[in-house]
Amino acid sequence: MVATTAKVVQVSSDGGSNYFTLPGGTGEFTDESGQIDDTIFGATFGSIQPGLLGFAANANALYKGFAGYVADIKQVGTPVAFTTESMTLLSGKEFEIDDATKNLWDRATAVVVFDNAIDHTADVLNIDYLFGRVTFKTAYSVTEPITVTGESFPLTQLGKGRSFTLTQTAAIVDTTDFATAQTNGGYRTVIPGLRTVGLELGGVYDVTEGLRALLRARSEVVIEINPDGNGATGSQARGVFKPATEAQSGNVGDLEEETTTFSLFVPDEALMLTPFNWNHDALSTLSQAIQIIL
């Protein structure tokens, strides 16, 4: 028998070469088999044949090392123009703007990318508007220096929040076939399908915050979630959302509470890399295991 104090739940992003322990306190692993009814005529008892096997694991984890009140939930303000800002190579052919205060770009304004002072926007494969990055096409040979012109968003607090729930899920797509199941011991195989992201913000109602107005106008809102409150040197999630619901409640003598939910919106933008993403700085205090999962 193993004491429960010895339990650890670890995750890996490199095929099992390196594992990192989740900073949590509960974990569960479940094996199960499909239940195939093979009852036949004349039987007086139901009969079950085990089918494909499957397993699942779940665990909790904490944003350990800091209290929840430091979290920042922000929305974009009025975009401000920037001109020929310098960029630095991240890896491959991906470059990132050097000024972190200008790395949330307005896609409604054309982003112009220069290589050695010559416009090479046509040679850009994709643009990460959420974190100020561009990736050049494989066939293009970069000369450097790389600079960029466009407009960036300042950020302001979103509502009078007291709590938030960010939910990220992926549909499960069954990929099992005869050959695979026959060679892996009869286990079901799956891959992640369509991903969904939702945000729920709970807080104190204030009409000047305009959350109900956002819903009624069906407004697009770019939101930043910064759990550790460290900004660009921490962990940041950014996404393009639209409000889905807004509700108020409160007892006599209490503050009026407001709960607003936002659903991810995917713009029809050819060069846009992604409508939602996380960025974990090297100085982030967020657990490496949680960073892998996010």
Protein backbone atom coordinates (compact mmCIF):
# COMPACT_ATOMS: atom_id res chain seq x y z
CA MET A 1 0.00 0.00 0.00
CA VAL A 2 1.27 3.47 -0.92
CA ALA A 3 0.50 6.44 1.31
CA THR A 4 -1.59 9.11 -0.40
CA THR A 5 1.01 11.71 0.63
CA ALA A 6 3.36 10.16 -1.95
CA LYS A 7 1.03 10.79 -4.87
CA VAL A 8 2.20 13.07 -7.66
CA VAL A 9 0.60 13.98 -10.98
CA GLN A 10 3.08 14.98 -13.66
CA VAL A 11 2.79 16.20 -17.26
CA SER A 12 5.19 16.27 -20.18
CA SER A 13 5.26 18.17 -23.47
CA ASP A 14 8.19 16.33 -25.07
CA GLY A 15 6.99 12.74 -25.29
CA GLY A 16 7.98 11.83 -21.75
CA SER A 17 11.60 12.98 -21.72
CA ASN A 18 10.90 15.59 -19.03
CA TYR A 19 8.04 15.61 -16.53
CA PHE A 20 6.80 18.45 -14.34
CA THR A 21 4.64 18.01 -11.23
CA LEU A 22 1.29 19.75 -11.00
CA PRO A 23 1.03 21.94 -7.86
CA GLY A 24 -2.21 20.32 -6.74
CA GLY A 25 -3.65 18.10 -4.03
CA THR A 26 -6.06 15.66 -5.69
CA GLY A 27 -5.74 13.37 -8.69
CA GLU A 28 -7.64 10.52 -10.28
CA PHE A 29 -6.87 7.89 -12.90
CA THR A 30 -9.64 5.75 -14.39
CA ASP A 31 -9.52 2.68 -16.64
CA GLU A 32 -12.70 1.56 -18.33
CA SER A 33 -13.94 -0.71 -21.08
CA GLY A 34 -16.82 -0.32 -23.48
CA GLN A 35 -19.79 -2.46 -22.47
CA ILE A 36 -21.12 -4.46 -25.42
CA ASP A 37 -24.44 -6.23 -24.89
CA ASP A 38 -24.13 -9.76 -26.33
CA THR A 39 -27.27 -11.26 -24.80
CA ILE A 40 -28.83 -13.85 -27.13
CA PHE A 41 -32.22 -15.52 -27.51
CA GLY A 42 -33.02 -18.02 -24.78
CA ALA A 43 -30.83 -16.36 -22.14
CA THR A 44 -32.28 -15.61 -18.71
CA PHE A 45 -29.39 -13.30 -17.75
CA GLY A 46 -28.02 -10.28 -19.56
CA SER A 47 -24.53 -10.79 -21.00
CA ILE A 48 -21.83 -8.15 -21.45
CA GLN A 49 -18.62 -8.35 -23.49
CA PRO A 50 -15.84 -5.82 -22.75
CA GLY A 51 -15.12 -3.68 -25.83
CA LEU A 52 -12.50 -1.03 -26.50
CA LEU A 53 -10.50 0.07 -23.48
CA GLY A 54 -9.93 3.66 -22.48
CA PHE A 55 -8.47 5.65 -19.63
CA ALA A 56 -8.76 9.15 -18.22
CA ALA A 57 -6.80 11.23 -15.76
CA ASN A 58 -7.73 14.41 -13.95
CA ALA A 59 -6.22 16.52 -11.21
CA ASN A 60 -6.52 19.90 -9.60
CA ALA A 61 -3.77 22.50 -9.61
CA LEU A 62 -3.16 25.82 -7.91
CA TYR A 63 -1.72 29.07 -9.18
CA LYS A 64 0.70 28.57 -6.31
CA GLY A 65 2.82 31.38 -4.91
CA PHE A 66 0.46 34.35 -5.20
CA ALA A 67 -3.00 35.39 -4.02
CA GLY A 68 -5.93 35.75 -6.36
CA TYR A 69 -6.39 39.49 -5.82
CA VAL A 70 -3.27 40.26 -7.90
CA ALA A 71 -4.96 39.05 -11.11
CA ASP A 72 -5.61 41.56 -13.88
CA ILE A 73 -8.54 41.26 -16.30
CA LYS A 74 -8.26 43.96 -18.94
CA GLN A 75 -9.88 45.11 -22.17
CA VAL A 76 -8.47 47.14 -25.03
CA GLY A 77 -8.87 50.89 -25.40
CA THR A 78 -8.43 53.20 -28.40
CA PRO A 79 -5.57 52.07 -30.68
CA VAL A 80 -2.43 54.18 -30.96
CA ALA A 81 -0.19 54.28 -34.04
CA PHE A 82 3.43 53.11 -33.96
CA THR A 83 6.03 53.40 -36.71
CA THR A 84 8.97 51.14 -37.69
CA GLU A 85 9.29 49.52 -34.27
CA SER A 86 12.21 47.10 -33.99
CA MET A 87 11.66 43.34 -33.78
CA THR A 88 13.79 40.45 -32.50
CA LEU A 89 14.04 36.89 -33.80
CA LEU A 90 12.36 34.32 -31.56
CA SER A 91 13.03 31.16 -33.54
CA GLY A 92 12.94 30.00 -37.15
CA LYS A 93 11.42 32.92 -39.03
CA GLU A 94 9.26 34.29 -36.23
CA PHE A 95 9.96 37.83 -34.99
CA GLU A 96 8.53 39.69 -31.98
CA ILE A 97 8.19 43.44 -31.42
CA ASP A 98 10.71 44.65 -28.83
CA ASP A 99 8.45 47.12 -27.03
CA ALA A 100 6.08 44.96 -24.96
CA THR A 101 3.75 47.92 -24.41
CA LYS A 102 2.98 47.86 -28.14
CA ASN A 103 2.53 44.12 -28.70
CA LEU A 104 -1.29 43.97 -28.84
CA TRP A 105 -2.08 44.98 -32.40
CA ASP A 106 -5.26 46.31 -34.00
CA ARG A 107 -6.05 44.05 -36.93
CA ALA A 108 -8.40 46.71 -38.36
CA THR A 109 -5.28 48.69 -39.26
CA ALA A 110 -2.83 47.32 -41.82
CA VAL A 111 0.35 45.91 -40.30
CA VAL A 112 3.35 46.69 -42.52
CA VAL A 113 6.49 44.60 -42.04
CA PHE A 114 9.87 45.85 -43.26
CA ASP A 115 13.01 43.81 -43.83
CA ASN A 116 16.09 46.02 -44.05
CA ALA A 117 13.78 49.04 -44.56
CA ILE A 118 11.93 47.42 -47.52
CA ASP A 119 8.24 46.50 -47.29
CA HIS A 120 8.03 42.69 -47.26
CA THR A 121 4.52 42.28 -45.86
CA ALA A 122 3.69 40.10 -48.87
CA ASP A 123 6.29 37.61 -47.62
CA VAL A 124 4.65 37.23 -44.20
CA LEU A 125 3.05 33.85 -43.50
CA ASN A 126 1.00 34.88 -40.47
CA ILE A 127 0.63 37.63 -37.87
CA ASP A 128 0.08 37.11 -34.15
CA TYR A 129 -1.95 40.24 -33.44
CA LEU A 130 -2.33 39.23 -29.78
CA PHE A 131 1.38 39.29 -28.92
CA GLY A 132 3.00 41.36 -31.67
CA ARG A 133 4.71 38.66 -33.72
CA VAL A 134 5.15 37.91 -37.41
CA THR A 135 6.35 34.78 -39.16
CA PHE A 136 7.81 34.88 -42.66
CA LYS A 137 7.09 32.30 -45.36
CA THR A 138 9.50 29.38 -45.63
CA ALA A 139 10.65 30.37 -49.11
CA TYR A 140 11.62 33.90 -48.04
CA SER A 141 15.20 34.62 -46.94
CA VAL A 142 15.24 37.19 -44.15
CA THR A 143 17.93 39.87 -44.28
CA GLU A 144 17.22 41.93 -41.12
CA PRO A 145 16.75 44.24 -39.38
CA ILE A 146 12.99 43.66 -39.14
CA THR A 147 10.73 46.58 -38.23
CA VAL A 148 6.95 46.93 -38.14
CA THR A 149 4.37 49.70 -38.47
CA GLY A 150 0.76 49.54 -37.30
CA GLU A 151 -1.47 50.39 -34.35
CA SER A 152 -1.46 48.90 -30.85
CA PHE A 153 -4.05 48.82 -28.08
CA PRO A 154 -3.59 50.21 -24.58
CA LEU A 155 -5.27 48.15 -21.86
CA THR A 156 -7.74 49.17 -19.16
CA GLN A 157 -9.42 47.23 -16.36
CA LEU A 158 -12.52 45.27 -17.43
CA GLY A 159 -15.43 45.81 -15.06
CA LYS A 160 -15.18 45.67 -11.27
CA GLY A 161 -14.25 42.03 -11.10
CA ARG A 162 -14.00 39.88 -7.99
CA SER A 163 -13.65 36.50 -9.65
CA PHE A 164 -13.10 34.99 -13.06
CA THR A 165 -13.36 31.57 -14.66
CA LEU A 166 -11.49 30.91 -17.89
CA THR A 167 -12.58 27.66 -19.54
CA GLN A 168 -10.61 26.00 -22.33
CA THR A 169 -11.92 22.76 -23.84
CA ALA A 170 -11.35 20.62 -26.90
CA ALA A 171 -13.79 18.22 -28.54
CA ILE A 172 -12.69 14.57 -28.47
CA VAL A 173 -12.38 12.99 -31.91
CA ASP A 174 -12.26 9.18 -32.03
CA THR A 175 -9.51 7.95 -34.40
CA THR A 176 -9.63 4.24 -33.55
CA ASP A 177 -9.43 1.79 -36.45
CA PHE A 178 -9.09 -1.99 -36.70
CA ALA A 179 -5.34 -2.03 -37.26
CA THR A 180 -4.60 0.37 -34.42
CA ALA A 181 -6.80 -1.38 -31.87
CA GLN A 182 -5.42 -4.79 -32.82
CA THR A 183 -1.83 -3.67 -32.23
CA ASN A 184 -2.28 -1.54 -29.07
CA GLY A 185 -4.15 -4.06 -26.95
CA GLY A 186 -7.64 -2.88 -27.83
CA TYR A 187 -7.39 0.72 -26.62
CA ARG A 188 -9.44 3.56 -28.07
CA THR A 189 -7.36 6.36 -29.63
CA VAL A 190 -8.45 10.00 -29.78
CA ILE A 191 -7.20 13.41 -30.85
CA PRO A 192 -8.38 16.90 -29.84
CA GLY A 193 -10.87 18.51 -32.22
CA LEU A 194 -12.46 21.96 -32.20
CA ARG A 195 -11.36 24.07 -29.25
CA THR A 196 -13.62 26.45 -27.35
CA VAL A 197 -12.78 29.22 -24.89
CA GLY A 198 -15.12 30.99 -22.51
CA LEU A 199 -14.66 33.63 -19.82
CA GLU A 200 -16.96 34.38 -16.89
CA LEU A 201 -16.34 37.58 -14.94
CA GLY A 202 -18.07 38.12 -11.61
CA GLY A 203 -17.95 41.39 -9.73
CA VAL A 204 -19.72 44.49 -8.48
CA TYR A 205 -22.24 46.14 -10.81
CA ASP A 206 -21.37 49.61 -12.05
CA VAL A 207 -23.31 51.06 -14.97
CA THR A 208 -20.31 53.15 -16.02
CA GLU A 209 -18.35 49.97 -16.80
CA GLY A 210 -20.71 49.40 -19.74
CA LEU A 211 -20.79 45.60 -19.75
CA ARG A 212 -24.51 45.46 -20.54
CA ALA A 213 -23.97 47.97 -23.33
CA LEU A 214 -21.28 45.70 -24.80
CA LEU A 215 -23.79 42.84 -24.89
CA ARG A 216 -26.56 44.89 -26.48
CA ALA A 217 -24.17 46.22 -29.13
CA ARG A 218 -22.82 42.71 -29.82
CA SER A 219 -19.39 44.29 -29.46
CA GLU A 220 -16.12 42.53 -30.12
CA VAL A 221 -13.80 42.76 -27.11
CA VAL A 222 -10.12 41.82 -26.95
CA ILE A 223 -9.47 40.69 -23.37
CA GLU A 224 -6.27 39.99 -21.45
CA ILE A 225 -6.17 37.65 -18.43
CA ASN A 226 -3.03 37.98 -16.32
CA PRO A 227 -3.37 35.62 -13.29
CA ASP A 228 -0.11 36.60 -11.58
CA GLY A 229 -0.49 40.34 -12.18
CA ASN A 230 3.07 40.62 -13.51
CA GLY A 231 2.13 41.83 -16.99
CA ALA A 232 4.60 41.09 -19.76
CA THR A 233 7.00 39.37 -17.34
CA GLY A 234 4.31 36.95 -16.17
CA SER A 235 1.74 34.72 -17.85
CA GLN A 236 -0.85 36.36 -20.10
CA ALA A 237 -3.84 34.98 -21.98
CA ARG A 238 -5.35 37.12 -24.71
CA GLY A 239 -8.32 36.49 -26.94
CA VAL A 240 -11.01 37.98 -29.14
CA PHE A 241 -14.38 37.66 -27.40
CA LYS A 242 -17.98 38.73 -27.67
CA PRO A 243 -20.29 39.05 -24.64
CA ALA A 244 -22.83 36.24 -24.32
CA THR A 245 -24.76 36.99 -21.11
CA GLU A 246 -24.97 39.73 -18.48
CA ALA A 247 -26.84 39.26 -15.21
CA GLN A 248 -27.35 41.29 -12.03
CA SER A 249 -28.38 40.10 -8.59
CA GLY A 250 -28.34 41.32 -5.01
CA ASN A 251 -30.20 41.39 -1.72
CA VAL A 252 -31.52 44.48 0.02
CA GLY A 253 -28.62 46.20 1.73
CA ASP A 254 -25.96 44.36 -0.31
CA LEU A 255 -23.92 45.50 -3.25
CA GLU A 256 -25.46 44.69 -6.61
CA GLU A 257 -23.46 41.89 -8.20
CA GLU A 258 -22.86 41.43 -11.92
CA THR A 259 -21.89 38.31 -13.83
CA THR A 260 -20.85 38.59 -17.47
CA THR A 261 -19.87 35.73 -19.75
CA PHE A 262 -17.83 36.06 -22.92
CA SER A 263 -17.49 33.55 -25.77
CA LEU A 264 -14.54 33.35 -28.13
CA PHE A 265 -15.03 35.01 -31.51
CA VAL A 266 -12.94 33.85 -34.48
CA PRO A 267 -12.44 36.67 -37.02
CA ASP A 268 -12.27 35.90 -40.74
CA GLU A 269 -8.73 37.21 -41.09
CA ALA A 270 -6.43 35.41 -43.52
CA LEU A 271 -3.12 36.26 -41.83
CA MET A 272 -4.32 36.00 -38.21
CA LEU A 273 -2.37 33.26 -36.42
CA THR A 274 -4.90 32.56 -33.66
CA PRO A 275 -7.88 34.23 -31.91
CA PHE A 276 -6.67 33.09 -28.46
CA ASN A 277 -3.26 32.37 -27.01
CA TRP A 278 -1.13 32.26 -23.88
CA ASN A 279 2.29 33.84 -23.50
CA HIS A 280 4.53 32.70 -20.64
CA ASP A 281 7.56 34.89 -20.05
CA ALA A 282 10.78 33.29 -18.80
CA LEU A 283 10.24 35.17 -15.51
CA SER A 284 6.67 33.88 -15.04
CA THR A 285 5.99 32.46 -11.58
CA LEU A 286 3.28 30.17 -12.94
CA SER A 287 4.12 26.47 -12.54
CA GLN A 288 5.79 24.91 -15.60
CA ALA A 289 3.29 22.04 -15.41
CA ILE A 290 0.35 24.46 -15.63
CA GLN A 291 2.05 26.32 -18.47
CA ILE A 292 2.27 23.05 -20.43
CA ILE A 293 -1.43 22.30 -19.93
CA LEU A 294 -2.52 25.82 -20.87
